[in-house]
């Protein structure tokens, strides 16, 4: 599971609304490993609940501070993206 998520920065989980977060433990060992990996390597950022369905967005946690991370271009040099084009009236 960790190898599959190695290059992923965001994970969406779809579940029943009463399961995330909770003390619920999946009966299937594979599902337990999946939730352990997501909880250990990702942080919940957003969630949407509609009735009995929950959609939760998890973002990869930052690497430890002792590991230098090279960003290019530097964050201070980043420019915002232009707005999308407006649709033409018909």
PDB file of N, CA and C in Angstrom:
ATOM      1  N   UNK A   1       0.829  -1.189   0.000  1.00  0.00           N
ATOM      2  CA  UNK A   1       0.000   0.000   0.000  1.00  0.00           C
ATOM      3  C   UNK A   1       0.875   1.255   0.000  1.00  0.00           C
ATOM      4  N   UNK A   2       1.917   1.267   0.811  1.00  0.00           N
ATOM      5  CA  UNK A   2       2.804   2.429   0.846  1.00  0.00           C
ATOM      6  C   UNK A   2       3.453   2.664  -0.506  1.00  0.00           C
ATOM      7  N   UNK A   3       3.848   1.587  -1.179  1.00  0.00           N
ATOM      8  CA  UNK A   3       4.479   1.724  -2.494  1.00  0.00           C
ATOM      9  C   UNK A   3       3.500   2.329  -3.497  1.00  0.00           C
ATOM     10  N   UNK A   4       2.252   1.926  -3.436  1.00  0.00           N
ATOM     11  CA  UNK A   4       1.247   2.467  -4.366  1.00  0.00           C
ATOM     12  C   UNK A   4       0.981   3.946  -4.118  1.00  0.00           C
ATOM     13  N   UNK A   5       1.085   4.370  -2.861  1.00  0.00           N
ATOM     14  CA  UNK A   5       0.807   5.762  -2.524  1.00  0.00           C
ATOM     15  C   UNK A   5       2.059   6.626  -2.507  1.00  0.00           C
ATOM     16  N   UNK A   6       3.212   6.056  -2.834  1.00  0.00           N
ATOM     17  CA  UNK A   6       4.477   6.786  -2.746  1.00  0.00           C
ATOM     18  C   UNK A   6       4.468   8.080  -3.565  1.00  0.00           C
ATOM     19  N   UNK A   7       3.910   8.080  -4.738  1.00  0.00           N
ATOM     20  CA  UNK A   7       3.909   9.263  -5.582  1.00  0.00           C
ATOM     21  C   UNK A   7       2.635  10.073  -5.507  1.00  0.00           C
ATOM     22  N   UNK A   8       1.791   9.785  -4.536  1.00  0.00           N
ATOM     23  CA  UNK A   8       0.485  10.433  -4.424  1.00  0.00           C
ATOM     24  C   UNK A   8       0.513  11.452  -3.293  1.00  0.00           C
ATOM     25  N   UNK A   9       0.003  12.650  -3.554  1.00  0.00           N
ATOM     26  CA  UNK A   9      -0.049  13.688  -2.524  1.00  0.00           C
ATOM     27  C   UNK A   9      -1.444  13.869  -1.933  1.00  0.00           C
ATOM     28  N   UNK A  10      -2.460  13.367  -2.628  1.00  0.00           N
ATOM     29  CA  UNK A  10      -3.846  13.499  -2.171  1.00  0.00           C
ATOM     30  C   UNK A  10      -4.558  12.165  -2.306  1.00  0.00           C
ATOM     31  N   UNK A  11      -5.394  11.884  -1.320  1.00  0.00           N
ATOM     32  CA  UNK A  11      -6.195  10.660  -1.336  1.00  0.00           C
ATOM     33  C   UNK A  11      -7.623  11.045  -0.972  1.00  0.00           C
ATOM     34  N   UNK A  12      -8.573  10.600  -1.768  1.00  0.00           N
ATOM     35  CA  UNK A  12      -9.986  10.784  -1.463  1.00  0.00           C
ATOM     36  C   UNK A  12     -10.525   9.450  -0.951  1.00  0.00           C
ATOM     37  N   UNK A  13     -11.245   9.499   0.154  1.00  0.00           N
ATOM     38  CA  UNK A  13     -11.859   8.289   0.696  1.00  0.00           C
ATOM     39  C   UNK A  13     -13.367   8.498   0.701  1.00  0.00           C
ATOM     40  N   UNK A  14     -14.071   7.523   0.166  1.00  0.00           N
ATOM     41  CA  UNK A  14     -15.529   7.543   0.161  1.00  0.00           C
ATOM     42  C   UNK A  14     -15.984   6.445   1.111  1.00  0.00           C
ATOM     43  N   UNK A  15     -16.825   6.808   2.082  1.00  0.00           N
ATOM     44  CA  UNK A  15     -17.275   5.839   3.074  1.00  0.00           C
ATOM     45  C   UNK A  15     -18.641   6.235   3.599  1.00  0.00           C
ATOM     46  N   UNK A  16     -19.204   5.357   4.398  1.00  0.00           N
ATOM     47  CA  UNK A  16     -20.439   5.703   5.082  1.00  0.00           C
ATOM     48  C   UNK A  16     -20.115   6.796   6.096  1.00  0.00           C
ATOM     49  N   UNK A  17     -21.006   7.738   6.247  1.00  0.00           N
ATOM     50  CA  UNK A  17     -20.722   8.911   7.079  1.00  0.00           C
ATOM     51  C   UNK A  17     -20.449   8.561   8.535  1.00  0.00           C
ATOM     52  N   UNK A  18     -20.914   7.442   9.018  1.00  0.00           N
ATOM     53  CA  UNK A  18     -20.682   7.105  10.419  1.00  0.00           C
ATOM     54  C   UNK A  18     -19.353   6.375  10.641  1.00  0.00           C
ATOM     55  N   UNK A  19     -18.558   6.168   9.596  1.00  0.00           N
ATOM     56  CA  UNK A  19     -17.323   5.407   9.742  1.00  0.00           C
ATOM     57  C   UNK A  19     -16.068   6.261   9.849  1.00  0.00           C
ATOM     58  N   UNK A  20     -16.045   7.437   9.286  1.00  0.00           N
ATOM     59  CA  UNK A  20     -14.833   8.270   9.280  1.00  0.00           C
ATOM     60  C   UNK A  20     -15.093   9.586   9.971  1.00  0.00           C
ATOM     61  N   UNK A  21     -14.385  10.081  10.947  1.00  0.00           N
ATOM     62  CA  UNK A  21     -13.539   9.296  11.821  1.00  0.00           C
ATOM     63  C   UNK A  21     -14.391   8.624  12.879  1.00  0.00           C
ATOM     64  N   UNK A  22     -13.958   7.529  13.359  1.00  0.00           N
ATOM     65  CA  UNK A  22     -14.682   6.828  14.419  1.00  0.00           C
ATOM     66  C   UNK A  22     -13.751   5.787  15.016  1.00  0.00           C
ATOM     67  N   UNK A  23     -14.265   5.079  15.957  1.00  0.00           N
ATOM     68  CA  UNK A  23     -13.497   3.988  16.569  1.00  0.00           C
ATOM     69  C   UNK A  23     -13.718   2.694  15.799  1.00  0.00           C
ATOM     70  N   UNK A  24     -14.398   2.773  14.680  1.00  0.00           N
ATOM     71  CA  UNK A  24     -14.671   1.607  13.856  1.00  0.00           C
ATOM     72  C   UNK A  24     -13.373   1.012  13.344  1.00  0.00           C
ATOM     73  N   UNK A  25     -13.245  -0.290  13.450  1.00  0.00           N
ATOM     74  CA  UNK A  25     -12.072  -1.005  12.945  1.00  0.00           C
ATOM     75  C   UNK A  25     -12.572  -1.998  11.910  1.00  0.00           C
ATOM     76  N   UNK A  26     -12.058  -1.903  10.673  1.00  0.00           N
ATOM     77  CA  UNK A  26     -12.514  -2.830   9.641  1.00  0.00           C
ATOM     78  C   UNK A  26     -12.192  -4.276  10.022  1.00  0.00           C
ATOM     79  N   UNK A  27     -13.076  -5.170   9.665  1.00  0.00           N
ATOM     80  CA  UNK A  27     -12.840  -6.592   9.911  1.00  0.00           C
ATOM     81  C   UNK A  27     -11.816  -7.182   8.963  1.00  0.00           C
ATOM     82  N   UNK A  28     -11.699  -6.615   7.784  1.00  0.00           N
ATOM     83  CA  UNK A  28     -10.770  -7.103   6.769  1.00  0.00           C
ATOM     84  C   UNK A  28      -9.367  -6.563   7.058  1.00  0.00           C
ATOM     85  N   UNK A  29      -8.353  -7.433   7.208  1.00  0.00           N
ATOM     86  CA  UNK A  29      -6.991  -6.962   7.485  1.00  0.00           C
ATOM     87  C   UNK A  29      -6.456  -6.009   6.424  1.00  0.00           C
ATOM     88  N   UNK A  30      -6.820  -6.200   5.178  1.00  0.00           N
ATOM     89  CA  UNK A  30      -6.369  -5.318   4.108  1.00  0.00           C
ATOM     90  C   UNK A  30      -6.904  -3.909   4.322  1.00  0.00           C
ATOM     91  N   UNK A  31      -8.159  -3.795   4.684  1.00  0.00           N
ATOM     92  CA  UNK A  31      -8.744  -2.474   4.940  1.00  0.00           C
ATOM     93  C   UNK A  31      -8.101  -1.810   6.151  1.00  0.00           C
ATOM     94  N   UNK A  32      -7.730  -2.603   7.172  1.00  0.00           N
ATOM     95  CA  UNK A  32      -7.051  -2.036   8.343  1.00  0.00           C
ATOM     96  C   UNK A  32      -5.712  -1.439   7.939  1.00  0.00           C
ATOM     97  N   UNK A  33      -4.959  -2.143   7.083  1.00  0.00           N
ATOM     98  CA  UNK A  33      -3.664  -1.634   6.623  1.00  0.00           C
ATOM     99  C   UNK A  33      -3.859  -0.357   5.827  1.00  0.00           C
ATOM    100  N   UNK A  34      -4.847  -0.322   4.958  1.00  0.00           N
ATOM    101  CA  UNK A  34      -5.115   0.871   4.156  1.00  0.00           C
ATOM    102  C   UNK A  34      -5.372   2.078   5.054  1.00  0.00           C
ATOM    103  N   UNK A  35      -6.243   1.922   6.051  1.00  0.00           N
ATOM    104  CA  UNK A  35      -6.557   3.039   6.940  1.00  0.00           C
ATOM    105  C   UNK A  35      -5.347   3.437   7.778  1.00  0.00           C
ATOM    106  N   UNK A  36      -4.545   2.462   8.219  1.00  0.00           N
ATOM    107  CA  UNK A  36      -3.335   2.787   8.989  1.00  0.00           C
ATOM    108  C   UNK A  36      -2.348   3.605   8.161  1.00  0.00           C
ATOM    109  N   UNK A  37      -2.166   3.228   6.897  1.00  0.00           N
ATOM    110  CA  UNK A  37      -1.235   3.959   6.025  1.00  0.00           C
ATOM    111  C   UNK A  37      -1.746   5.373   5.788  1.00  0.00           C
ATOM    112  N   UNK A  38      -3.018   5.508   5.482  1.00  0.00           N
ATOM    113  CA  UNK A  38      -3.576   6.842   5.230  1.00  0.00           C
ATOM    114  C   UNK A  38      -3.486   7.699   6.484  1.00  0.00           C
ATOM    115  N   UNK A  39      -3.850   7.152   7.631  1.00  0.00           N
ATOM    116  CA  UNK A  39      -3.782   7.930   8.879  1.00  0.00           C
ATOM    117  C   UNK A  39      -2.354   8.304   9.244  1.00  0.00           C
ATOM    118  N   UNK A  40      -1.384   7.450   8.934  1.00  0.00           N
ATOM    119  CA  UNK A  40      -0.007   7.719   9.293  1.00  0.00           C
ATOM    120  C   UNK A  40       0.705   8.679   8.367  1.00  0.00           C
ATOM    121  N   UNK A  41       0.378   8.649   7.085  1.00  0.00           N
ATOM    122  CA  UNK A  41       1.111   9.438   6.104  1.00  0.00           C
ATOM    123  C   UNK A  41       0.347  10.638   5.562  1.00  0.00           C
ATOM    124  N   UNK A  42      -0.945  10.711   5.857  1.00  0.00           N
ATOM    125  CA  UNK A  42      -1.780  11.782   5.327  1.00  0.00           C
ATOM    126  C   UNK A  42      -2.553  12.445   6.457  1.00  0.00           C
ATOM    127  N   UNK A  43      -2.916  13.695   6.254  1.00  0.00           N
ATOM    128  CA  UNK A  43      -3.730  14.440   7.214  1.00  0.00           C
ATOM    129  C   UNK A  43      -5.048  14.813   6.541  1.00  0.00           C
ATOM    130  N   UNK A  44      -6.132  14.678   7.278  1.00  0.00           N
ATOM    131  CA  UNK A  44      -7.442  15.018   6.724  1.00  0.00           C
ATOM    132  C   UNK A  44      -7.533  16.530   6.583  1.00  0.00           C
ATOM    133  N   UNK A  45      -7.926  16.995   5.407  1.00  0.00           N
ATOM    134  CA  UNK A  45      -8.041  18.428   5.147  1.00  0.00           C
ATOM    135  C   UNK A  45      -9.477  18.876   4.974  1.00  0.00           C
ATOM    136  N   UNK A  46     -10.265  18.087   4.281  1.00  0.00           N
ATOM    137  CA  UNK A  46     -11.655  18.477   4.029  1.00  0.00           C
ATOM    138  C   UNK A  46     -12.518  17.233   4.060  1.00  0.00           C
ATOM    139  N   UNK A  47     -13.768  17.453   4.354  1.00  0.00           N
ATOM    140  CA  UNK A  47     -14.717  16.352   4.228  1.00  0.00           C
ATOM    141  C   UNK A  47     -16.077  16.910   3.861  1.00  0.00           C
ATOM    142  N   UNK A  48     -16.782  16.124   3.135  1.00  0.00           N
ATOM    143  CA  UNK A  48     -18.124  16.469   2.673  1.00  0.00           C
ATOM    144  C   UNK A  48     -19.043  15.333   3.064  1.00  0.00           C
ATOM    145  N   UNK A  49     -20.173  15.664   3.645  1.00  0.00           N
ATOM    146  CA  UNK A  49     -21.139  14.651   4.043  1.00  0.00           C
ATOM    147  C   UNK A  49     -22.446  14.962   3.350  1.00  0.00           C
ATOM    148  N   UNK A  50     -22.998  13.954   2.740  1.00  0.00           N
ATOM    149  CA  UNK A  50     -24.305  14.084   2.096  1.00  0.00           C
ATOM    150  C   UNK A  50     -25.090  12.838   2.475  1.00  0.00           C
ATOM    151  N   UNK A  51     -26.029  13.017   3.374  1.00  0.00           N
ATOM    152  CA  UNK A  51     -26.796  11.872   3.840  1.00  0.00           C
ATOM    153  C   UNK A  51     -25.896  10.875   4.549  1.00  0.00           C
ATOM    154  N   UNK A  52     -25.863   9.659   4.056  1.00  0.00           N
ATOM    155  CA  UNK A  52     -25.062   8.605   4.680  1.00  0.00           C
ATOM    156  C   UNK A  52     -23.703   8.415   4.024  1.00  0.00           C
ATOM    157  N   UNK A  53     -23.318   9.314   3.122  1.00  0.00           N
ATOM    158  CA  UNK A  53     -22.045   9.186   2.410  1.00  0.00           C
ATOM    159  C   UNK A  53     -21.099  10.301   2.838  1.00  0.00           C
ATOM    160  N   UNK A  54     -19.850   9.927   3.104  1.00  0.00           N
ATOM    161  CA  UNK A  54     -18.827  10.905   3.452  1.00  0.00           C
ATOM    162  C   UNK A  54     -17.693  10.798   2.439  1.00  0.00           C
ATOM    163  N   UNK A  55     -17.251  11.949   1.969  1.00  0.00           N
ATOM    164  CA  UNK A  55     -16.112  12.058   1.065  1.00  0.00           C
ATOM    165  C   UNK A  55     -15.056  12.858   1.814  1.00  0.00           C
ATOM    166  N   UNK A  56     -13.890  12.251   2.071  1.00  0.00           N
ATOM    167  CA  UNK A  56     -12.849  12.910   2.859  1.00  0.00           C
ATOM    168  C   UNK A  56     -11.576  13.035   2.019  1.00  0.00           C
ATOM    169  N   UNK A  57     -10.994  14.231   2.044  1.00  0.00           N
ATOM    170  CA  UNK A  57      -9.749  14.502   1.338  1.00  0.00           C
ATOM    171  C   UNK A  57      -8.600  14.455   2.333  1.00  0.00           C
ATOM    172  N   UNK A  58      -7.603  13.639   2.037  1.00  0.00           N
ATOM    173  CA  UNK A  58      -6.392  13.546   2.846  1.00  0.00           C
ATOM    174  C   UNK A  58      -5.222  14.061   2.012  1.00  0.00           C
ATOM    175  N   UNK A  59      -4.374  14.889   2.631  1.00  0.00           N
ATOM    176  CA  UNK A  59      -3.196  15.463   1.980  1.00  0.00           C
ATOM    177  C   UNK A  59      -1.962  14.885   2.664  1.00  0.00           C
ATOM    178  N   UNK A  60      -0.941  14.551   1.869  1.00  0.00           N
ATOM    179  CA  UNK A  60       0.289  13.985   2.441  1.00  0.00           C
ATOM    180  C   UNK A  60       0.875  14.946   3.457  1.00  0.00           C
ATOM    181  N   UNK A  61       1.307  14.385   4.581  1.00  0.00           N
ATOM    182  CA  UNK A  61       1.947  15.188   5.621  1.00  0.00           C
ATOM    183  C   UNK A  61       3.283  15.685   5.104  1.00  0.00           C
ATOM    184  N   UNK A  62       3.737  16.803   5.638  1.00  0.00           N
ATOM    185  CA  UNK A  62       5.020  17.366   5.231  1.00  0.00           C
ATOM    186  C   UNK A  62       6.144  16.421   5.645  1.00  0.00           C
ATOM    187  N   UNK A  63       7.231  16.375   4.862  1.00  0.00           N
ATOM    188  CA  UNK A  63       8.367  15.536   5.249  1.00  0.00           C
ATOM    189  C   UNK A  63       9.017  16.102   6.512  1.00  0.00           C
ATOM    190  N   UNK A  64       9.770  15.281   7.246  1.00  0.00           N
ATOM    191  CA  UNK A  64      10.442  15.786   8.447  1.00  0.00           C
ATOM    192  C   UNK A  64      11.316  16.992   8.120  1.00  0.00           C
ATOM    193  N   UNK A  65      11.452  17.897   9.072  1.00  0.00           N
ATOM    194  CA  UNK A  65      12.190  19.139   8.851  1.00  0.00           C
ATOM    195  C   UNK A  65      13.669  18.925   8.576  1.00  0.00           C
ATOM    196  N   UNK A  66      14.250  17.808   9.039  1.00  0.00           N
ATOM    197  CA  UNK A  66      15.670  17.579   8.807  1.00  0.00           C
ATOM    198  C   UNK A  66      15.960  17.115   7.386  1.00  0.00           C
ATOM    199  N   UNK A  67      14.927  16.833   6.620  1.00  0.00           N
ATOM    200  CA  UNK A  67      15.088  16.430   5.227  1.00  0.00           C
ATOM    201  C   UNK A  67      14.849  17.652   4.348  1.00  0.00           C
ATOM    202  N   UNK A  68      15.881  18.163   3.676  1.00  0.00           N
ATOM    203  CA  UNK A  68      15.674  19.343   2.837  1.00  0.00           C
ATOM    204  C   UNK A  68      14.768  19.016   1.653  1.00  0.00           C
ATOM    205  N   UNK A  69      13.867  19.905   1.378  1.00  0.00           N
ATOM    206  CA  UNK A  69      12.967  19.759   0.249  1.00  0.00           C
ATOM    207  C   UNK A  69      13.265  20.885  -0.727  1.00  0.00           C
ATOM    208  N   UNK A  70      13.584  20.521  -1.943  1.00  0.00           N
ATOM    209  CA  UNK A  70      13.886  21.522  -2.958  1.00  0.00           C
ATOM    210  C   UNK A  70      12.625  21.838  -3.735  1.00  0.00           C
ATOM    211  N   UNK A  71      12.285  23.093  -3.770  1.00  0.00           N
ATOM    212  CA  UNK A  71      11.111  23.529  -4.524  1.00  0.00           C
ATOM    213  C   UNK A  71      11.570  24.418  -5.667  1.00  0.00           C
ATOM    214  N   UNK A  72      11.099  24.124  -6.841  1.00  0.00           N
ATOM    215  CA  UNK A  72      11.413  24.961  -7.981  1.00  0.00           C
ATOM    216  C   UNK A  72      10.167  25.145  -8.800  1.00  0.00           C
ATOM    217  N   UNK A  73       9.779  26.323  -9.100  1.00  0.00           N
ATOM    218  CA  UNK A  73      10.380  27.585  -8.687  1.00  0.00           C
ATOM    219  C   UNK A  73      10.109  27.841  -7.212  1.00  0.00           C
ATOM    220  N   UNK A  74      10.923  28.702  -6.584  1.00  0.00           N
ATOM    221  CA  UNK A  74      10.681  29.030  -5.171  1.00  0.00           C
ATOM    222  C   UNK A  74       9.279  29.585  -4.990  1.00  0.00           C
ATOM    223  N   UNK A  75       8.703  29.330  -3.824  1.00  0.00           N
ATOM    224  CA  UNK A  75       7.328  29.772  -3.559  1.00  0.00           C
ATOM    225  C   UNK A  75       7.179  31.283  -3.727  1.00  0.00           C
ATOM    226  N   UNK A  76       8.217  32.053  -3.396  1.00  0.00           N
ATOM    227  CA  UNK A  76       8.122  33.507  -3.518  1.00  0.00           C
ATOM    228  C   UNK A  76       8.101  33.956  -4.973  1.00  0.00           C
ATOM    229  N   UNK A  77       8.591  33.100  -5.877  1.00  0.00           N
ATOM    230  CA  UNK A  77       8.634  33.469  -7.291  1.00  0.00           C
ATOM    231  C   UNK A  77       7.385  33.011  -8.041  1.00  0.00           C
ATOM    232  N   UNK A  78       6.541  32.253  -7.375  1.00  0.00           N
ATOM    233  CA  UNK A  78       5.351  31.732  -8.049  1.00  0.00           C
ATOM    234  C   UNK A  78       4.390  32.861  -8.366  1.00  0.00           C
ATOM    235  N   UNK A  79       3.774  32.774  -9.518  1.00  0.00           N
ATOM    236  CA  UNK A  79       2.767  33.759  -9.909  1.00  0.00           C
ATOM    237  C   UNK A  79       1.431  33.041 -10.019  1.00  0.00           C
ATOM    238  N   UNK A  80       0.355  33.721  -9.680  1.00  0.00           N
ATOM    239  CA  UNK A  80      -0.943  33.058  -9.764  1.00  0.00           C
ATOM    240  C   UNK A  80      -1.308  32.753 -11.207  1.00  0.00           C
ATOM    241  N   UNK A  81      -2.060  31.696 -11.378  1.00  0.00           N
ATOM    242  CA  UNK A  81      -2.513  31.307 -12.704  1.00  0.00           C
ATOM    243  C   UNK A  81      -3.568  32.302 -13.187  1.00  0.00           C
ATOM    244  N   UNK A  82      -3.616  32.549 -14.483  1.00  0.00           N
ATOM    245  CA  UNK A  82      -4.637  33.466 -14.985  1.00  0.00           C
ATOM    246  C   UNK A  82      -6.033  32.838 -14.808  1.00  0.00           C
ATOM    247  N   UNK A  83      -7.051  33.680 -14.706  1.00  0.00           N
ATOM    248  CA  UNK A  83      -8.406  33.123 -14.554  1.00  0.00           C
ATOM    249  C   UNK A  83      -8.831  32.410 -15.831  1.00  0.00           C
ATOM    250  N   UNK A  84      -9.730  31.419 -15.697  1.00  0.00           N
ATOM    251  CA  UNK A  84     -10.194  30.709 -16.887  1.00  0.00           C
ATOM    252  C   UNK A  84     -10.981  31.655 -17.789  1.00  0.00           C
ATOM    253  N   UNK A  85     -11.015  31.386 -19.082  1.00  0.00           N
ATOM    254  CA  UNK A  85     -11.771  32.251 -19.988  1.00  0.00           C
ATOM    255  C   UNK A  85     -13.263  32.191 -19.686  1.00  0.00           C
ATOM    256  N   UNK A  86     -13.933  33.303 -19.899  1.00  0.00           N
ATOM    257  CA  UNK A  86     -15.386  33.357 -19.682  1.00  0.00           C
ATOM    258  C   UNK A  86     -16.095  32.802 -20.907  1.00  0.00           C
ATOM    259  N   UNK A  87     -17.196  32.111 -20.686  1.00  0.00           N
ATOM    260  CA  UNK A  87     -17.940  31.600 -21.832  1.00  0.00           C
ATOM    261  C   UNK A  87     -18.543  32.761 -22.634  1.00  0.00           C
ATOM    262  N   UNK A  88     -18.597  32.588 -23.916  1.00  0.00           N
ATOM    263  CA  UNK A  88     -19.173  33.627 -24.765  1.00  0.00           C
ATOM    264  C   UNK A  88     -20.705  33.502 -24.771  1.00  0.00           C
ATOM    265  N   UNK A  89     -21.405  34.618 -24.676  1.00  0.00           N
ATOM    266  CA  UNK A  89     -22.880  34.551 -24.695  1.00  0.00           C
ATOM    267  C   UNK A  89     -23.364  34.116 -26.082  1.00  0.00           C
ATOM    268  N   UNK A  90     -24.469  33.440 -26.083  1.00  0.00           N
ATOM    269  CA  UNK A  90     -25.049  32.974 -27.372  1.00  0.00           C
ATOM    270  C   UNK A  90     -26.274  33.725 -27.691  1.00  0.00           C
TER     271      UNK A  90
END
